[in-house]
Amino acid sequence: MRNFQNNFITNTATIRWLKILMAFEKNHHCSTVGLAKTSGSTTRTIMTDITNLKEHFGDCLMIDSSHKGYFFL
């Protein structure tokens, strides 16, 4: 059903955000490279998307970064 619903989303950034959040839903620790593969983007785009996700959700979402990747809390 998720894939069916994703077909109606046309904004590529929103699609990437949903893919990133679904990856965090499966595993609370994800590497930047792993998220890039999951979302079909570059690691640089992932860093921008994570920053934008934090800004958009504010205190409702906690994502910490480390040298090994990102932790979703």
PDB file of N, CA and C in Angstrom:
ATOM      1  N   MET A   1       0.813  -1.184   0.000  1.00  0.00           N
ATOM      2  CA  MET A   1       0.000   0.000   0.000  1.00  0.00           C
ATOM      3  C   MET A   1       0.865   1.259   0.000  1.00  0.00           C
ATOM      4  N   ARG A   2       1.993   1.219   0.708  1.00  0.00           N
ATOM      5  CA  ARG A   2       2.873   2.390   0.750  1.00  0.00           C
ATOM      6  C   ARG A   2       3.384   2.745  -0.636  1.00  0.00           C
ATOM      7  N   ASN A   3       3.805   1.738  -1.403  1.00  0.00           N
ATOM      8  CA  ASN A   3       4.293   2.009  -2.746  1.00  0.00           C
ATOM      9  C   ASN A   3       3.195   2.592  -3.614  1.00  0.00           C
ATOM     10  N   PHE A   4       1.983   2.119  -3.457  1.00  0.00           N
ATOM     11  CA  PHE A   4       0.855   2.647  -4.216  1.00  0.00           C
ATOM     12  C   PHE A   4       0.637   4.114  -3.876  1.00  0.00           C
ATOM     13  N   GLN A   5       0.683   4.445  -2.597  1.00  0.00           N
ATOM     14  CA  GLN A   5       0.492   5.833  -2.177  1.00  0.00           C
ATOM     15  C   GLN A   5       1.636   6.718  -2.653  1.00  0.00           C
ATOM     16  N   ASN A   6       2.844   6.191  -2.669  1.00  0.00           N
ATOM     17  CA  ASN A   6       3.996   6.965  -3.116  1.00  0.00           C
ATOM     18  C   ASN A   6       3.893   7.341  -4.585  1.00  0.00           C
ATOM     19  N   ASN A   7       3.133   6.588  -5.367  1.00  0.00           N
ATOM     20  CA  ASN A   7       2.978   6.905  -6.779  1.00  0.00           C
ATOM     21  C   ASN A   7       2.256   8.223  -6.999  1.00  0.00           C
ATOM     22  N   PHE A   8       1.519   8.699  -6.021  1.00  0.00           N
ATOM     23  CA  PHE A   8       0.774   9.945  -6.145  1.00  0.00           C
ATOM     24  C   PHE A   8       1.572  11.165  -5.686  1.00  0.00           C
ATOM     25  N   ILE A   9       2.735  10.940  -5.122  1.00  0.00           N
ATOM     26  CA  ILE A   9       3.580  12.035  -4.658  1.00  0.00           C
ATOM     27  C   ILE A   9       4.514  12.421  -5.802  1.00  0.00           C
ATOM     28  N   THR A  10       4.523  13.694  -6.151  1.00  0.00           N
ATOM     29  CA  THR A  10       5.346  14.141  -7.275  1.00  0.00           C
ATOM     30  C   THR A  10       6.599  14.893  -6.839  1.00  0.00           C
ATOM     31  N   ASN A  11       6.628  15.384  -5.619  1.00  0.00           N
ATOM     32  CA  ASN A  11       7.782  16.121  -5.123  1.00  0.00           C
ATOM     33  C   ASN A  11       8.885  15.129  -4.763  1.00  0.00           C
ATOM     34  N   THR A  12      10.029  15.221  -5.440  1.00  0.00           N
ATOM     35  CA  THR A  12      11.110  14.250  -5.219  1.00  0.00           C
ATOM     36  C   THR A  12      11.696  14.332  -3.817  1.00  0.00           C
ATOM     37  N   ALA A  13      11.739  15.539  -3.246  1.00  0.00           N
ATOM     38  CA  ALA A  13      12.260  15.677  -1.880  1.00  0.00           C
ATOM     39  C   ALA A  13      11.348  14.963  -0.890  1.00  0.00           C
ATOM     40  N   THR A  14      10.047  15.072  -1.074  1.00  0.00           N
ATOM     41  CA  THR A  14       9.094  14.391  -0.186  1.00  0.00           C
ATOM     42  C   THR A  14       9.248  12.886  -0.298  1.00  0.00           C
ATOM     43  N   ILE A  15       9.444  12.392  -1.496  1.00  0.00           N
ATOM     44  CA  ILE A  15       9.652  10.948  -1.697  1.00  0.00           C
ATOM     45  C   ILE A  15      10.908  10.494  -0.972  1.00  0.00           C
ATOM     46  N   ARG A  16      11.995  11.262  -1.103  1.00  0.00           N
ATOM     47  CA  ARG A  16      13.240  10.910  -0.402  1.00  0.00           C
ATOM     48  C   ARG A  16      13.038  10.931   1.097  1.00  0.00           C
ATOM     49  N   TRP A  17      12.333  11.945   1.622  1.00  0.00           N
ATOM     50  CA  TRP A  17      12.076  12.035   3.066  1.00  0.00           C
ATOM     51  C   TRP A  17      11.323  10.811   3.547  1.00  0.00           C
ATOM     52  N   LEU A  18      10.316  10.398   2.804  1.00  0.00           N
ATOM     53  CA  LEU A  18       9.537   9.214   3.205  1.00  0.00           C
ATOM     54  C   LEU A  18      10.401   7.961   3.188  1.00  0.00           C
ATOM     55  N   LYS A  19      11.259   7.838   2.199  1.00  0.00           N
ATOM     56  CA  LYS A  19      12.151   6.675   2.137  1.00  0.00           C
ATOM     57  C   LYS A  19      13.144   6.681   3.296  1.00  0.00           C
ATOM     58  N   ILE A  20      13.649   7.853   3.642  1.00  0.00           N
ATOM     59  CA  ILE A  20      14.572   7.968   4.775  1.00  0.00           C
ATOM     60  C   ILE A  20      13.859   7.596   6.077  1.00  0.00           C
ATOM     61  N   LEU A  21      12.667   8.118   6.268  1.00  0.00           N
ATOM     62  CA  LEU A  21      11.913   7.817   7.492  1.00  0.00           C
ATOM     63  C   LEU A  21      11.531   6.337   7.565  1.00  0.00           C
ATOM     64  N   MET A  22      11.217   5.728   6.427  1.00  0.00           N
ATOM     65  CA  MET A  22      10.909   4.286   6.419  1.00  0.00           C
ATOM     66  C   MET A  22      12.150   3.474   6.764  1.00  0.00           C
ATOM     67  N   ALA A  23      13.328   3.917   6.308  1.00  0.00           N
ATOM     68  CA  ALA A  23      14.574   3.228   6.653  1.00  0.00           C
ATOM     69  C   ALA A  23      14.825   3.319   8.156  1.00  0.00           C
ATOM     70  N   PHE A  24      14.585   4.484   8.743  1.00  0.00           N
ATOM     71  CA  PHE A  24      14.744   4.642  10.187  1.00  0.00           C
ATOM     72  C   PHE A  24      13.717   3.828  10.959  1.00  0.00           C
ATOM     73  N   GLU A  25      12.561   3.635  10.373  1.00  0.00           N
ATOM     74  CA  GLU A  25      11.526   2.825  11.010  1.00  0.00           C
ATOM     75  C   GLU A  25      11.983   1.371  11.135  1.00  0.00           C
ATOM     76  N   LYS A  26      12.746   0.901  10.156  1.00  0.00           N
ATOM     77  CA  LYS A  26      13.252  -0.475  10.163  1.00  0.00           C
ATOM     78  C   LYS A  26      14.484  -0.627  11.036  1.00  0.00           C
ATOM     79  N   ASN A  27      15.346   0.393  11.034  1.00  0.00           N
ATOM     80  CA  ASN A  27      16.601   0.320  11.763  1.00  0.00           C
ATOM     81  C   ASN A  27      16.920   1.713  12.309  1.00  0.00           C
ATOM     82  N   HIS A  28      17.101   1.849  13.599  1.00  0.00           N
ATOM     83  CA  HIS A  28      17.310   3.163  14.211  1.00  0.00           C
ATOM     84  C   HIS A  28      18.693   3.731  13.949  1.00  0.00           C
ATOM     85  N   HIS A  29      19.597   2.923  13.404  1.00  0.00           N
ATOM     86  CA  HIS A  29      20.920   3.411  13.026  1.00  0.00           C
ATOM     87  C   HIS A  29      21.121   3.132  11.546  1.00  0.00           C
ATOM     88  N   CYS A  30      21.367   4.176  10.771  1.00  0.00           N
ATOM     89  CA  CYS A  30      21.564   4.027   9.330  1.00  0.00           C
ATOM     90  C   CYS A  30      22.795   4.826   8.907  1.00  0.00           C
ATOM     91  N   SER A  31      23.573   4.241   8.028  1.00  0.00           N
ATOM     92  CA  SER A  31      24.723   4.968   7.492  1.00  0.00           C
ATOM     93  C   SER A  31      24.264   5.927   6.405  1.00  0.00           C
ATOM     94  N   THR A  32      25.074   6.911   6.135  1.00  0.00           N
ATOM     95  CA  THR A  32      24.766   7.876   5.086  1.00  0.00           C
ATOM     96  C   THR A  32      24.717   7.185   3.730  1.00  0.00           C
ATOM     97  N   VAL A  33      25.643   6.285   3.502  1.00  0.00           N
ATOM     98  CA  VAL A  33      25.675   5.545   2.235  1.00  0.00           C
ATOM     99  C   VAL A  33      24.438   4.665   2.100  1.00  0.00           C
ATOM    100  N   GLY A  34      24.046   4.010   3.176  1.00  0.00           N
ATOM    101  CA  GLY A  34      22.847   3.167   3.153  1.00  0.00           C
ATOM    102  C   GLY A  34      21.592   3.971   2.859  1.00  0.00           C
ATOM    103  N   LEU A  35      21.480   5.145   3.469  1.00  0.00           N
ATOM    104  CA  LEU A  35      20.327   6.000   3.206  1.00  0.00           C
ATOM    105  C   LEU A  35      20.333   6.508   1.769  1.00  0.00           C
ATOM    106  N   ALA A  36      21.526   6.786   1.244  1.00  0.00           N
ATOM    107  CA  ALA A  36      21.625   7.239  -0.145  1.00  0.00           C
ATOM    108  C   ALA A  36      21.158   6.151  -1.106  1.00  0.00           C
ATOM    109  N   LYS A  37      21.557   4.912  -0.825  1.00  0.00           N
ATOM    110  CA  LYS A  37      21.112   3.794  -1.678  1.00  0.00           C
ATOM    111  C   LYS A  37      19.616   3.591  -1.567  1.00  0.00           C
ATOM    112  N   THR A  38      19.093   3.678  -0.359  1.00  0.00           N
ATOM    113  CA  THR A  38      17.662   3.489  -0.128  1.00  0.00           C
ATOM    114  C   THR A  38      16.834   4.533  -0.859  1.00  0.00           C
ATOM    115  N   SER A  39      17.300   5.772  -0.828  1.00  0.00           N
ATOM    116  CA  SER A  39      16.521   6.864  -1.417  1.00  0.00           C
ATOM    117  C   SER A  39      16.888   7.138  -2.876  1.00  0.00           C
ATOM    118  N   GLY A  40      17.936   6.495  -3.369  1.00  0.00           N
ATOM    119  CA  GLY A  40      18.346   6.709  -4.752  1.00  0.00           C
ATOM    120  C   GLY A  40      18.963   8.080  -4.977  1.00  0.00           C
ATOM    121  N   SER A  41      19.695   8.562  -3.984  1.00  0.00           N
ATOM    122  CA  SER A  41      20.311   9.884  -4.084  1.00  0.00           C
ATOM    123  C   SER A  41      21.780   9.792  -3.683  1.00  0.00           C
ATOM    124  N   THR A  42      22.411  10.936  -3.525  1.00  0.00           N
ATOM    125  CA  THR A  42      23.811  10.985  -3.119  1.00  0.00           C
ATOM    126  C   THR A  42      23.918  11.201  -1.614  1.00  0.00           C
ATOM    127  N   THR A  43      25.102  10.969  -1.076  1.00  0.00           N
ATOM    128  CA  THR A  43      25.315  11.191   0.357  1.00  0.00           C
ATOM    129  C   THR A  43      25.189  12.673   0.694  1.00  0.00           C
ATOM    130  N   ARG A  44      25.571  13.513  -0.219  1.00  0.00           N
ATOM    131  CA  ARG A  44      25.445  14.958   0.012  1.00  0.00           C
ATOM    132  C   ARG A  44      23.971  15.361   0.121  1.00  0.00           C
ATOM    133  N   THR A  45      23.133  14.769  -0.724  1.00  0.00           N
ATOM    134  CA  THR A  45      21.695  15.034  -0.666  1.00  0.00           C
ATOM    135  C   THR A  45      21.115  14.528   0.647  1.00  0.00           C
ATOM    136  N   ILE A  46      21.596  13.379   1.123  1.00  0.00           N
ATOM    137  CA  ILE A  46      21.126  12.826   2.401  1.00  0.00           C
ATOM    138  C   ILE A  46      21.415  13.792   3.535  1.00  0.00           C
ATOM    139  N   MET A  47      22.606  14.354   3.551  1.00  0.00           N
ATOM    140  CA  MET A  47      22.951  15.306   4.616  1.00  0.00           C
ATOM    141  C   MET A  47      22.014  16.517   4.583  1.00  0.00           C
ATOM    142  N   THR A  48      21.709  16.998   3.402  1.00  0.00           N
ATOM    143  CA  THR A  48      20.772  18.119   3.265  1.00  0.00           C
ATOM    144  C   THR A  48      19.373  17.708   3.704  1.00  0.00           C
ATOM    145  N   ASP A  49      18.937  16.520   3.281  1.00  0.00           N
ATOM    146  CA  ASP A  49      17.608  16.045   3.651  1.00  0.00           C
ATOM    147  C   ASP A  49      17.464  15.858   5.155  1.00  0.00           C
ATOM    148  N   ILE A  50      18.480  15.326   5.803  1.00  0.00           N
ATOM    149  CA  ILE A  50      18.441  15.136   7.263  1.00  0.00           C
ATOM    150  C   ILE A  50      18.329  16.493   7.953  1.00  0.00           C
ATOM    151  N   THR A  51      19.096  17.461   7.493  1.00  0.00           N
ATOM    152  CA  THR A  51      19.020  18.812   8.053  1.00  0.00           C
ATOM    153  C   THR A  51      17.624  19.389   7.877  1.00  0.00           C
ATOM    154  N   ASN A  52      17.061  19.215   6.693  1.00  0.00           N
ATOM    155  CA  ASN A  52      15.719  19.736   6.418  1.00  0.00           C
ATOM    156  C   ASN A  52      14.644  19.006   7.218  1.00  0.00           C
ATOM    157  N   LEU A  53      14.807  17.702   7.403  1.00  0.00           N
ATOM    158  CA  LEU A  53      13.864  16.942   8.224  1.00  0.00           C
ATOM    159  C   LEU A  53      13.876  17.452   9.673  1.00  0.00           C
ATOM    160  N   LYS A  54      15.080  17.665  10.208  1.00  0.00           N
ATOM    161  CA  LYS A  54      15.204  18.179  11.573  1.00  0.00           C
ATOM    162  C   LYS A  54      14.538  19.541  11.703  1.00  0.00           C
ATOM    163  N   GLU A  55      14.767  20.392  10.722  1.00  0.00           N
ATOM    164  CA  GLU A  55      14.183  21.728  10.752  1.00  0.00           C
ATOM    165  C   GLU A  55      12.664  21.669  10.636  1.00  0.00           C
ATOM    166  N   HIS A  56      12.172  20.810   9.758  1.00  0.00           N
ATOM    167  CA  HIS A  56      10.726  20.708   9.523  1.00  0.00           C
ATOM    168  C   HIS A  56       9.987  20.176  10.751  1.00  0.00           C
ATOM    169  N   PHE A  57      10.516  19.126  11.365  1.00  0.00           N
ATOM    170  CA  PHE A  57       9.825  18.490  12.481  1.00  0.00           C
ATOM    171  C   PHE A  57      10.189  19.085  13.841  1.00  0.00           C
ATOM    172  N   GLY A  58      11.254  19.838  13.921  1.00  0.00           N
ATOM    173  CA  GLY A  58      11.644  20.492  15.173  1.00  0.00           C
ATOM    174  C   GLY A  58      11.865  19.499  16.303  1.00  0.00           C
ATOM    175  N   ASP A  59      11.236  19.738  17.438  1.00  0.00           N
ATOM    176  CA  ASP A  59      11.408  18.901  18.625  1.00  0.00           C
ATOM    177  C   ASP A  59      10.665  17.576  18.545  1.00  0.00           C
ATOM    178  N   CYS A  60       9.860  17.378  17.518  1.00  0.00           N
ATOM    179  CA  CYS A  60       9.089  16.136  17.380  1.00  0.00           C
ATOM    180  C   CYS A  60       9.928  14.987  16.837  1.00  0.00           C
ATOM    181  N   LEU A  61      11.104  15.300  16.320  1.00  0.00           N
ATOM    182  CA  LEU A  61      11.947  14.300  15.681  1.00  0.00           C
ATOM    183  C   LEU A  61      13.374  14.480  16.166  1.00  0.00           C
ATOM    184  N   MET A  62      14.018  13.372  16.530  1.00  0.00           N
ATOM    185  CA  MET A  62      15.387  13.459  17.018  1.00  0.00           C
ATOM    186  C   MET A  62      16.272  12.561  16.159  1.00  0.00           C
ATOM    187  N   ILE A  63      17.159  13.175  15.397  1.00  0.00           N
ATOM    188  CA  ILE A  63      18.134  12.442  14.597  1.00  0.00           C
ATOM    189  C   ILE A  63      19.505  12.984  14.969  1.00  0.00           C
ATOM    190  N   ASP A  64      20.350  12.119  15.496  1.00  0.00           N
ATOM    191  CA  ASP A  64      21.714  12.495  15.851  1.00  0.00           C
ATOM    192  C   ASP A  64      22.678  11.902  14.838  1.00  0.00           C
ATOM    193  N   SER A  65      23.751  12.613  14.596  1.00  0.00           N
ATOM    194  CA  SER A  65      24.749  12.124  13.649  1.00  0.00           C
ATOM    195  C   SER A  65      26.018  11.728  14.381  1.00  0.00           C
ATOM    196  N   SER A  66      26.742  10.796  13.778  1.00  0.00           N
ATOM    197  CA  SER A  66      28.047  10.388  14.273  1.00  0.00           C
ATOM    198  C   SER A  66      28.915  10.060  13.070  1.00  0.00           C
ATOM    199  N   HIS A  67      30.130   9.666  13.318  1.00  0.00           N
ATOM    200  CA  HIS A  67      31.013   9.318  12.206  1.00  0.00           C
ATOM    201  C   HIS A  67      30.563   8.020  11.507  1.00  0.00           C
ATOM    202  N   LYS A  68      29.661   7.264  12.118  1.00  0.00           N
ATOM    203  CA  LYS A  68      29.169   6.031  11.524  1.00  0.00           C
ATOM    204  C   LYS A  68      27.832   6.210  10.798  1.00  0.00           C
ATOM    205  N   GLY A  69      27.198   7.361  10.934  1.00  0.00           N
ATOM    206  CA  GLY A  69      25.917   7.580  10.275  1.00  0.00           C
ATOM    207  C   GLY A  69      24.970   8.366  11.145  1.00  0.00           C
ATOM    208  N   TYR A  70      23.694   7.999  11.081  1.00  0.00           N
ATOM    209  CA  TYR A  70      22.661   8.721  11.811  1.00  0.00           C
ATOM    210  C   TYR A  70      21.907   7.783  12.737  1.00  0.00           C
ATOM    211  N   PHE A  71      21.503   8.329  13.880  1.00  0.00           N
ATOM    212  CA  PHE A  71      20.699   7.601  14.859  1.00  0.00           C
ATOM    213  C   PHE A  71      19.353   8.284  14.978  1.00  0.00           C
ATOM    214  N   PHE A  72      18.308   7.507  14.827  1.00  0.00           N
ATOM    215  CA  PHE A  72      16.947   8.007  14.959  1.00  0.00           C
ATOM    216  C   PHE A  72      16.479   7.662  16.349  1.00  0.00           C
ATOM    217  N   LEU A  73      16.149   8.686  17.138  1.00  0.00           N
ATOM    218  CA  LEU A  73      15.739   8.456  18.520  1.00  0.00           C
ATOM    219  C   LEU A  73      14.271   8.756  18.700  1.00  0.00           C
TER     220      LEU A  73
END
